[in-house]
Amino acid sequence: MSAGDLERWLRRKRKLIRRWAERPVFTLPWELRPGQYLPAPAAAWTGREIAALREREGLTQNELAAFLNVSIKAVQAWEQDLRTPEGPVDRILQILDEVGKIFFHGLCDASGERGAR
């Protein structure tokens, strides 16, 4: 990867992080002011989309399972369309898709264990 490619990639990631950070995350509907909005509900994931996201971010099934704190069997079931991710895992996948794993750098080390806080 050349220096120019790296700079373009970093600019794109910074723009996505800024856009994501501007969203009201913990706002309740009755606390909204004009011009604010709630985050869009997460779309249902297909097995192909999860596999493509995992491969795009350079993660193995084991690493993704450790990253999401789920079993590897859960990741395998999602990718085979036997089950779908639900709750917070669904939202984390959406954030990972929008921003990429660089946003989560430091949460997990290379082995998938949680980093020191």
N, C-alpha and C. Protein backbone atom coordinates (compact mmCIF):
# COMPACT_ATOMS: atom_id res chain seq x y z
N MET A 1 0.85 -1.17 0.00
CA MET A 1 0.00 0.00 0.00
C MET A 1 0.90 1.23 0.00
N SER A 2 0.67 2.13 -0.94
CA SER A 2 1.49 3.34 -1.03
C SER A 2 1.04 4.36 0.01
N ALA A 3 1.84 5.38 0.18
CA ALA A 3 1.52 6.43 1.15
C ALA A 3 0.23 7.15 0.76
N GLY A 4 0.03 7.35 -0.53
CA GLY A 4 -1.19 8.02 -1.00
C GLY A 4 -2.43 7.19 -0.73
N ASP A 5 -2.30 5.87 -0.96
CA ASP A 5 -3.43 4.97 -0.68
C ASP A 5 -3.76 4.98 0.81
N LEU A 6 -2.72 4.94 1.63
CA LEU A 6 -2.93 4.95 3.08
C LEU A 6 -3.60 6.23 3.53
N GLU A 7 -3.16 7.36 2.98
CA GLU A 7 -3.76 8.65 3.36
C GLU A 7 -5.24 8.72 2.94
N ARG A 8 -5.57 8.23 1.74
CA ARG A 8 -6.97 8.22 1.31
C ARG A 8 -7.81 7.32 2.21
N TRP A 9 -7.25 6.15 2.57
CA TRP A 9 -7.95 5.21 3.44
C TRP A 9 -8.19 5.85 4.81
N LEU A 10 -7.18 6.51 5.37
CA LEU A 10 -7.33 7.17 6.67
C LEU A 10 -8.35 8.30 6.61
N ARG A 11 -8.32 9.09 5.53
CA ARG A 11 -9.30 10.17 5.38
C ARG A 11 -10.72 9.63 5.36
N ARG A 12 -10.92 8.52 4.63
CA ARG A 12 -12.25 7.91 4.55
C ARG A 12 -12.71 7.40 5.91
N LYS A 13 -11.80 6.75 6.64
CA LYS A 13 -12.14 6.23 7.97
C LYS A 13 -12.43 7.37 8.94
N ARG A 14 -11.64 8.44 8.90
CA ARG A 14 -11.90 9.58 9.79
C ARG A 14 -13.26 10.20 9.50
N LYS A 15 -13.61 10.32 8.23
CA LYS A 15 -14.90 10.88 7.86
C LYS A 15 -16.04 10.01 8.39
N LEU A 16 -15.92 8.69 8.26
CA LEU A 16 -16.94 7.78 8.77
C LEU A 16 -17.04 7.86 10.29
N ILE A 17 -15.90 7.94 10.97
CA ILE A 17 -15.91 8.03 12.44
C ILE A 17 -16.58 9.33 12.87
N ARG A 18 -16.24 10.45 12.20
CA ARG A 18 -16.89 11.72 12.55
C ARG A 18 -18.39 11.65 12.34
N ARG A 19 -18.80 11.07 11.21
CA ARG A 19 -20.23 10.95 10.91
C ARG A 19 -20.93 10.07 11.94
N TRP A 20 -20.27 8.97 12.32
CA TRP A 20 -20.86 8.07 13.31
C TRP A 20 -20.92 8.74 14.68
N ALA A 21 -19.89 9.49 15.05
CA ALA A 21 -19.83 10.12 16.37
C ALA A 21 -20.89 11.22 16.52
N GLU A 22 -21.32 11.81 15.42
CA GLU A 22 -22.32 12.89 15.48
C GLU A 22 -23.73 12.37 15.71
N ARG A 23 -23.93 11.06 15.59
CA ARG A 23 -25.28 10.50 15.78
C ARG A 23 -25.65 10.49 17.26
N PRO A 24 -26.87 10.84 17.58
CA PRO A 24 -27.29 10.72 18.98
C PRO A 24 -27.46 9.25 19.33
N VAL A 25 -26.66 8.76 20.26
CA VAL A 25 -26.68 7.33 20.57
C VAL A 25 -27.61 7.02 21.74
N PHE A 26 -27.54 7.82 22.80
CA PHE A 26 -28.29 7.51 24.00
C PHE A 26 -29.48 8.45 24.20
N THR A 27 -30.00 9.02 23.14
CA THR A 27 -31.13 9.94 23.22
C THR A 27 -32.43 9.16 23.22
N LEU A 28 -33.28 9.46 24.15
CA LEU A 28 -34.61 8.85 24.19
C LEU A 28 -35.55 9.66 23.31
N PRO A 29 -36.58 9.03 22.75
CA PRO A 29 -37.45 9.74 21.80
C PRO A 29 -38.01 11.06 22.34
N TRP A 30 -38.35 11.12 23.62
CA TRP A 30 -38.94 12.34 24.16
C TRP A 30 -37.88 13.40 24.46
N GLU A 31 -36.60 13.08 24.32
CA GLU A 31 -35.53 14.04 24.53
C GLU A 31 -35.04 14.67 23.23
N LEU A 32 -35.60 14.25 22.11
CA LEU A 32 -35.16 14.76 20.82
C LEU A 32 -35.52 16.23 20.65
N ARG A 33 -34.57 16.96 20.08
CA ARG A 33 -34.82 18.35 19.73
C ARG A 33 -34.96 18.43 18.22
N PRO A 34 -35.53 19.50 17.68
CA PRO A 34 -35.63 19.60 16.23
C PRO A 34 -34.27 19.42 15.57
N GLY A 35 -34.23 18.61 14.53
CA GLY A 35 -33.01 18.36 13.79
C GLY A 35 -32.25 17.13 14.27
N GLN A 36 -32.65 16.54 15.40
CA GLN A 36 -32.01 15.33 15.88
C GLN A 36 -32.79 14.12 15.38
N TYR A 37 -32.14 12.98 15.36
CA TYR A 37 -32.81 11.76 14.94
C TYR A 37 -32.21 10.59 15.69
N LEU A 38 -32.97 9.53 15.80
CA LEU A 38 -32.47 8.30 16.40
C LEU A 38 -31.73 7.49 15.35
N PRO A 39 -30.74 6.68 15.76
CA PRO A 39 -30.05 5.83 14.79
C PRO A 39 -31.03 4.91 14.09
N ALA A 40 -30.76 4.64 12.83
CA ALA A 40 -31.63 3.74 12.06
C ALA A 40 -31.57 2.34 12.65
N PRO A 41 -32.67 1.63 12.65
CA PRO A 41 -32.62 0.25 13.13
C PRO A 41 -31.69 -0.58 12.25
N ALA A 42 -31.04 -1.53 12.86
CA ALA A 42 -30.11 -2.38 12.12
C ALA A 42 -30.88 -3.27 11.15
N ALA A 43 -30.36 -3.41 9.95
CA ALA A 43 -30.99 -4.27 8.95
C ALA A 43 -30.65 -5.73 9.26
N ALA A 44 -31.48 -6.63 8.81
CA ALA A 44 -31.22 -8.06 9.01
C ALA A 44 -30.01 -8.47 8.18
N TRP A 45 -29.14 -9.24 8.78
CA TRP A 45 -27.92 -9.70 8.13
C TRP A 45 -28.15 -11.06 7.47
N THR A 46 -27.58 -11.22 6.28
CA THR A 46 -27.58 -12.54 5.65
C THR A 46 -26.21 -13.18 5.92
N GLY A 47 -26.15 -14.48 5.74
CA GLY A 47 -24.89 -15.19 5.94
C GLY A 47 -23.79 -14.68 5.03
N ARG A 48 -24.14 -14.41 3.79
CA ARG A 48 -23.14 -13.91 2.83
C ARG A 48 -22.62 -12.54 3.25
N GLU A 49 -23.49 -11.67 3.77
CA GLU A 49 -23.06 -10.35 4.20
C GLU A 49 -22.10 -10.44 5.39
N ILE A 50 -22.40 -11.33 6.33
CA ILE A 50 -21.53 -11.48 7.50
C ILE A 50 -20.18 -12.04 7.07
N ALA A 51 -20.18 -13.05 6.20
CA ALA A 51 -18.92 -13.62 5.72
C ALA A 51 -18.11 -12.58 4.95
N ALA A 52 -18.79 -11.79 4.11
CA ALA A 52 -18.09 -10.76 3.34
C ALA A 52 -17.50 -9.68 4.26
N LEU A 53 -18.26 -9.27 5.27
CA LEU A 53 -17.77 -8.29 6.24
C LEU A 53 -16.55 -8.84 6.97
N ARG A 54 -16.64 -10.07 7.42
CA ARG A 54 -15.54 -10.70 8.15
C ARG A 54 -14.29 -10.77 7.28
N GLU A 55 -14.45 -11.19 6.03
CA GLU A 55 -13.30 -11.31 5.13
C GLU A 55 -12.74 -9.93 4.77
N ARG A 56 -13.61 -8.95 4.57
CA ARG A 56 -13.16 -7.59 4.25
C ARG A 56 -12.31 -7.01 5.37
N GLU A 57 -12.69 -7.31 6.62
CA GLU A 57 -11.94 -6.80 7.77
C GLU A 57 -10.75 -7.69 8.13
N GLY A 58 -10.57 -8.80 7.39
CA GLY A 58 -9.42 -9.66 7.60
C GLY A 58 -9.49 -10.48 8.88
N LEU A 59 -10.71 -10.90 9.26
CA LEU A 59 -10.90 -11.68 10.48
C LEU A 59 -11.26 -13.12 10.15
N THR A 60 -10.82 -14.05 10.98
CA THR A 60 -11.26 -15.43 10.87
C THR A 60 -12.57 -15.56 11.65
N GLN A 61 -13.25 -16.69 11.49
CA GLN A 61 -14.48 -16.90 12.27
C GLN A 61 -14.17 -16.88 13.76
N ASN A 62 -13.05 -17.47 14.15
CA ASN A 62 -12.66 -17.50 15.56
C ASN A 62 -12.40 -16.09 16.10
N GLU A 63 -11.71 -15.26 15.32
CA GLU A 63 -11.42 -13.89 15.74
C GLU A 63 -12.70 -13.06 15.84
N LEU A 64 -13.61 -13.22 14.88
CA LEU A 64 -14.88 -12.49 14.94
C LEU A 64 -15.69 -12.92 16.15
N ALA A 65 -15.70 -14.22 16.43
CA ALA A 65 -16.43 -14.72 17.60
C ALA A 65 -15.85 -14.13 18.88
N ALA A 66 -14.53 -14.09 19.00
CA ALA A 66 -13.89 -13.51 20.19
C ALA A 66 -14.17 -12.02 20.28
N PHE A 67 -14.13 -11.34 19.12
CA PHE A 67 -14.38 -9.90 19.07
C PHE A 67 -15.80 -9.56 19.55
N LEU A 68 -16.77 -10.39 19.17
CA LEU A 68 -18.17 -10.15 19.52
C LEU A 68 -18.58 -10.83 20.83
N ASN A 69 -17.64 -11.61 21.41
CA ASN A 69 -17.90 -12.34 22.65
C ASN A 69 -19.06 -13.33 22.49
N VAL A 70 -19.02 -14.06 21.38
CA VAL A 70 -19.99 -15.13 21.11
C VAL A 70 -19.20 -16.39 20.77
N SER A 71 -19.88 -17.51 20.69
CA SER A 71 -19.19 -18.76 20.35
C SER A 71 -18.92 -18.80 18.84
N ILE A 72 -17.92 -19.59 18.48
CA ILE A 72 -17.61 -19.76 17.06
C ILE A 72 -18.77 -20.46 16.35
N LYS A 73 -19.50 -21.30 17.08
CA LYS A 73 -20.67 -21.98 16.50
C LYS A 73 -21.75 -20.96 16.11
N ALA A 74 -21.87 -19.87 16.89
CA ALA A 74 -22.84 -18.82 16.55
C ALA A 74 -22.46 -18.15 15.24
N VAL A 75 -21.18 -17.84 15.08
CA VAL A 75 -20.72 -17.21 13.83
C VAL A 75 -20.95 -18.15 12.65
N GLN A 76 -20.65 -19.43 12.84
CA GLN A 76 -20.87 -20.41 11.78
C GLN A 76 -22.35 -20.51 11.42
N ALA A 77 -23.22 -20.49 12.43
CA ALA A 77 -24.67 -20.57 12.18
C ALA A 77 -25.15 -19.32 11.43
N TRP A 78 -24.60 -18.15 11.76
CA TRP A 78 -24.99 -16.92 11.05
C TRP A 78 -24.59 -17.03 9.59
N GLU A 79 -23.35 -17.47 9.34
CA GLU A 79 -22.85 -17.52 7.96
C GLU A 79 -23.56 -18.58 7.14
N GLN A 80 -24.15 -19.59 7.78
CA GLN A 80 -24.90 -20.62 7.07
C GLN A 80 -26.39 -20.31 7.03
N ASP A 81 -26.76 -19.12 7.48
CA ASP A 81 -28.16 -18.67 7.52
C ASP A 81 -29.05 -19.57 8.38
N LEU A 82 -28.48 -20.20 9.39
CA LEU A 82 -29.29 -21.00 10.31
C LEU A 82 -29.88 -20.12 11.41
N ARG A 83 -29.17 -19.05 11.76
CA ARG A 83 -29.63 -18.08 12.75
C ARG A 83 -29.18 -16.70 12.30
N THR A 84 -29.73 -15.67 12.95
CA THR A 84 -29.31 -14.30 12.66
C THR A 84 -28.83 -13.66 13.96
N PRO A 85 -27.86 -12.73 13.87
CA PRO A 85 -27.41 -12.04 15.08
C PRO A 85 -28.53 -11.15 15.61
N GLU A 86 -28.61 -11.04 16.93
CA GLU A 86 -29.66 -10.24 17.55
C GLU A 86 -29.07 -9.32 18.60
N GLY A 87 -29.85 -8.30 18.96
CA GLY A 87 -29.50 -7.40 20.05
C GLY A 87 -28.23 -6.61 19.80
N PRO A 88 -27.39 -6.48 20.84
CA PRO A 88 -26.19 -5.66 20.71
C PRO A 88 -25.22 -6.16 19.64
N VAL A 89 -25.16 -7.47 19.43
CA VAL A 89 -24.26 -8.01 18.41
C VAL A 89 -24.66 -7.50 17.04
N ASP A 90 -25.94 -7.40 16.79
CA ASP A 90 -26.45 -6.87 15.52
C ASP A 90 -25.97 -5.44 15.31
N ARG A 91 -26.05 -4.63 16.36
CA ARG A 91 -25.63 -3.22 16.27
C ARG A 91 -24.11 -3.12 16.10
N ILE A 92 -23.34 -3.97 16.80
CA ILE A 92 -21.89 -3.94 16.68
C ILE A 92 -21.47 -4.31 15.26
N LEU A 93 -22.15 -5.28 14.66
CA LEU A 93 -21.86 -5.63 13.26
C LEU A 93 -22.14 -4.45 12.34
N GLN A 94 -23.21 -3.70 12.63
CA GLN A 94 -23.53 -2.53 11.81
C GLN A 94 -22.42 -1.48 11.93
N ILE A 95 -21.93 -1.25 13.14
CA ILE A 95 -20.86 -0.28 13.34
C ILE A 95 -19.58 -0.76 12.66
N LEU A 96 -19.28 -2.04 12.81
CA LEU A 96 -18.10 -2.61 12.16
C LEU A 96 -18.19 -2.44 10.65
N ASP A 97 -19.37 -2.61 10.09
CA ASP A 97 -19.57 -2.45 8.66
C ASP A 97 -19.36 -1.00 8.23
N GLU A 98 -19.84 -0.06 9.04
CA GLU A 98 -19.74 1.36 8.68
C GLU A 98 -18.34 1.92 8.88
N VAL A 99 -17.70 1.54 9.97
CA VAL A 99 -16.46 2.20 10.36
C VAL A 99 -15.24 1.31 10.16
N GLY A 100 -15.38 0.03 10.36
CA GLY A 100 -14.26 -0.88 10.24
C GLY A 100 -13.64 -1.17 11.59
N LYS A 101 -12.79 -2.19 11.62
CA LYS A 101 -12.23 -2.64 12.89
C LYS A 101 -11.24 -1.66 13.47
N ILE A 102 -10.74 -0.70 12.67
CA ILE A 102 -9.79 0.27 13.21
C ILE A 102 -10.43 1.08 14.34
N PHE A 103 -11.75 1.25 14.29
CA PHE A 103 -12.45 1.99 15.34
C PHE A 103 -12.37 1.25 16.66
N PHE A 104 -12.30 -0.07 16.60
CA PHE A 104 -12.28 -0.89 17.81
C PHE A 104 -10.86 -1.25 18.25
N HIS A 105 -9.85 -0.65 17.63
CA HIS A 105 -8.45 -0.97 17.95
C HIS A 105 -8.22 -0.74 19.44
N GLY A 106 -7.64 -1.71 20.10
CA GLY A 106 -7.38 -1.59 21.53
C GLY A 106 -8.40 -2.32 22.38
N LEU A 107 -9.59 -2.61 21.82
CA LEU A 107 -10.57 -3.37 22.59
C LEU A 107 -10.15 -4.82 22.72
N CYS A 108 -9.56 -5.35 21.66
CA CYS A 108 -9.07 -6.73 21.67
C CYS A 108 -7.67 -6.75 21.09
N ASP A 109 -6.81 -7.60 21.64
CA ASP A 109 -5.49 -7.77 21.04
C ASP A 109 -5.58 -8.85 19.96
N ALA A 110 -4.45 -9.21 19.39
CA ALA A 110 -4.45 -10.14 18.26
C ALA A 110 -5.02 -11.51 18.61
N SER A 111 -4.93 -11.91 19.88
CA SER A 111 -5.44 -13.23 20.27
C SER A 111 -6.94 -13.22 20.49
N GLY A 112 -7.56 -12.02 20.45
CA GLY A 112 -8.99 -11.94 20.69
C GLY A 112 -9.33 -11.67 22.14
N GLU A 113 -8.30 -11.63 23.01
CA GLU A 113 -8.55 -11.34 24.41
C GLU A 113 -8.75 -9.83 24.58
N ARG A 114 -9.57 -9.48 25.54
CA ARG A 114 -9.83 -8.07 25.78
C ARG A 114 -8.55 -7.39 26.27
N GLY A 115 -8.31 -6.18 25.74
CA GLY A 115 -7.10 -5.44 26.12
C GLY A 115 -7.23 -4.85 27.51
N ALA A 116 -6.09 -4.41 28.05
CA ALA A 116 -6.09 -3.78 29.37
C ALA A 116 -6.79 -2.44 29.29
N ARG A 117 -7.49 -2.11 30.33
CA ARG A 117 -8.22 -0.85 30.34
C ARG A 117 -7.55 0.15 31.23
